[in-house]
Amino acid sequence: MALYTDGVHLVSDRSIAELHRFAKRIGLRRNRYHGEKRGHPHYDLPGRWFPRIIQTGSNVFVADRRGLVRALRRLNNRKEKK
């Protein structure tokens, strides 16, 4: 599992299913999810969630905007290979 956050967004570079599983595990509601229409599947995070996500001990990495874009490109490349 590899998830990335800039404190405002949560993305996965592995799979959308992984992103949804993690969001469900930490109690993040599905209405915060923005789909794949433009190739940027992510969850919007309320500000107070940032510490909660980092404290999970999961493979959640803090990234800047460029890091999130790189993670989304890896996700899109994985989807294209399937």
Protein backbone atom coordinates (compact mmCIF):
# COMPACT_ATOMS: atom_id res chain seq x y z
CA MET A 1 0.00 0.00 0.00
CA ALA A 2 1.35 3.42 -0.91
CA LEU A 3 -0.79 6.45 -0.20
CA TYR A 4 0.18 10.10 -0.44
CA THR A 5 -1.20 13.27 1.10
CA ASP A 6 -0.42 16.94 0.90
CA GLY A 7 -2.67 17.55 3.91
CA VAL A 8 -5.60 18.43 1.67
CA HIS A 9 -5.84 15.45 -0.70
CA LEU A 10 -5.33 11.70 -0.36
CA VAL A 11 -4.22 9.62 -3.38
CA SER A 12 -2.94 6.13 -4.09
CA ASP A 13 -0.35 5.11 -6.66
CA ARG A 14 -1.48 1.46 -6.56
CA SER A 15 -5.25 1.24 -7.00
CA ILE A 16 -8.49 3.05 -6.44
CA ALA A 17 -9.74 0.07 -4.44
CA GLU A 18 -6.79 0.55 -2.06
CA LEU A 19 -7.69 4.22 -1.71
CA HIS A 20 -11.31 3.36 -0.84
CA ARG A 21 -10.29 0.64 1.64
CA PHE A 22 -8.00 3.02 3.51
CA ALA A 23 -10.59 5.80 3.54
CA LYS A 24 -13.18 3.40 4.94
CA ARG A 25 -10.74 2.11 7.56
CA ILE A 26 -10.11 5.60 8.93
CA GLY A 27 -13.77 6.65 8.68
CA LEU A 28 -13.49 9.08 5.78
CA ARG A 29 -16.88 9.36 4.09
CA ARG A 30 -17.28 8.46 0.42
CA ASN A 31 -18.79 11.87 -0.40
CA ARG A 32 -15.24 13.27 -0.06
CA TYR A 33 -14.13 11.16 -3.05
CA HIS A 34 -13.61 12.78 -6.41
CA GLY A 35 -13.73 10.20 -9.16
CA GLU A 36 -11.77 9.27 -12.19
CA LYS A 37 -13.44 11.49 -14.78
CA ARG A 38 -10.35 13.63 -15.24
CA GLY A 39 -7.83 11.00 -14.19
CA HIS A 40 -7.34 12.44 -10.71
CA PRO A 41 -9.06 10.05 -8.27
CA HIS A 42 -8.60 11.39 -4.76
CA TYR A 43 -10.27 12.17 -1.46
CA ASP A 44 -10.48 15.70 -0.13
CA LEU A 45 -9.39 15.84 3.50
CA PRO A 46 -10.77 18.08 6.19
CA GLY A 47 -7.84 19.85 7.86
CA ARG A 48 -8.29 18.06 11.14
CA TRP A 49 -7.76 14.68 9.43
CA PHE A 50 -4.13 15.21 8.52
CA PRO A 51 -2.73 14.16 11.93
CA ARG A 52 -5.13 11.21 12.08
CA ILE A 53 -3.94 9.92 8.72
CA ILE A 54 -0.26 10.29 9.54
CA GLN A 55 -0.74 8.54 12.91
CA THR A 56 -2.25 5.43 11.32
CA GLY A 57 1.20 3.96 10.90
CA SER A 58 0.28 2.92 7.38
CA ASN A 59 2.34 3.67 4.31
CA VAL A 60 1.06 7.21 4.00
CA PHE A 61 3.67 9.62 2.73
CA VAL A 62 3.55 13.38 2.91
CA ALA A 63 4.09 14.90 -0.53
CA ASP A 64 3.88 18.25 -2.23
CA ARG A 65 1.61 18.83 -5.22
CA ARG A 66 4.23 17.46 -7.63
CA GLY A 67 4.51 14.30 -5.55
CA LEU A 68 0.75 13.78 -5.75
CA VAL A 69 0.84 14.23 -9.53
CA ARG A 70 3.63 11.64 -9.83
CA ALA A 71 1.59 9.18 -7.72
CA LEU A 72 -1.48 9.72 -9.91
CA ARG A 73 0.61 9.16 -13.05
CA ARG A 74 1.87 5.85 -11.63
CA LEU A 75 -1.74 4.86 -10.91
CA ASN A 76 -2.80 5.76 -14.45
CA ASN A 77 0.14 3.83 -15.91
CA ARG A 78 -0.88 0.75 -13.91
CA LYS A 79 -4.46 1.00 -15.19
CA GLU A 80 -3.24 1.30 -18.82
CA LYS A 81 -1.07 -1.84 -18.52
CA LYS A 82 -4.02 -3.99 -17.44
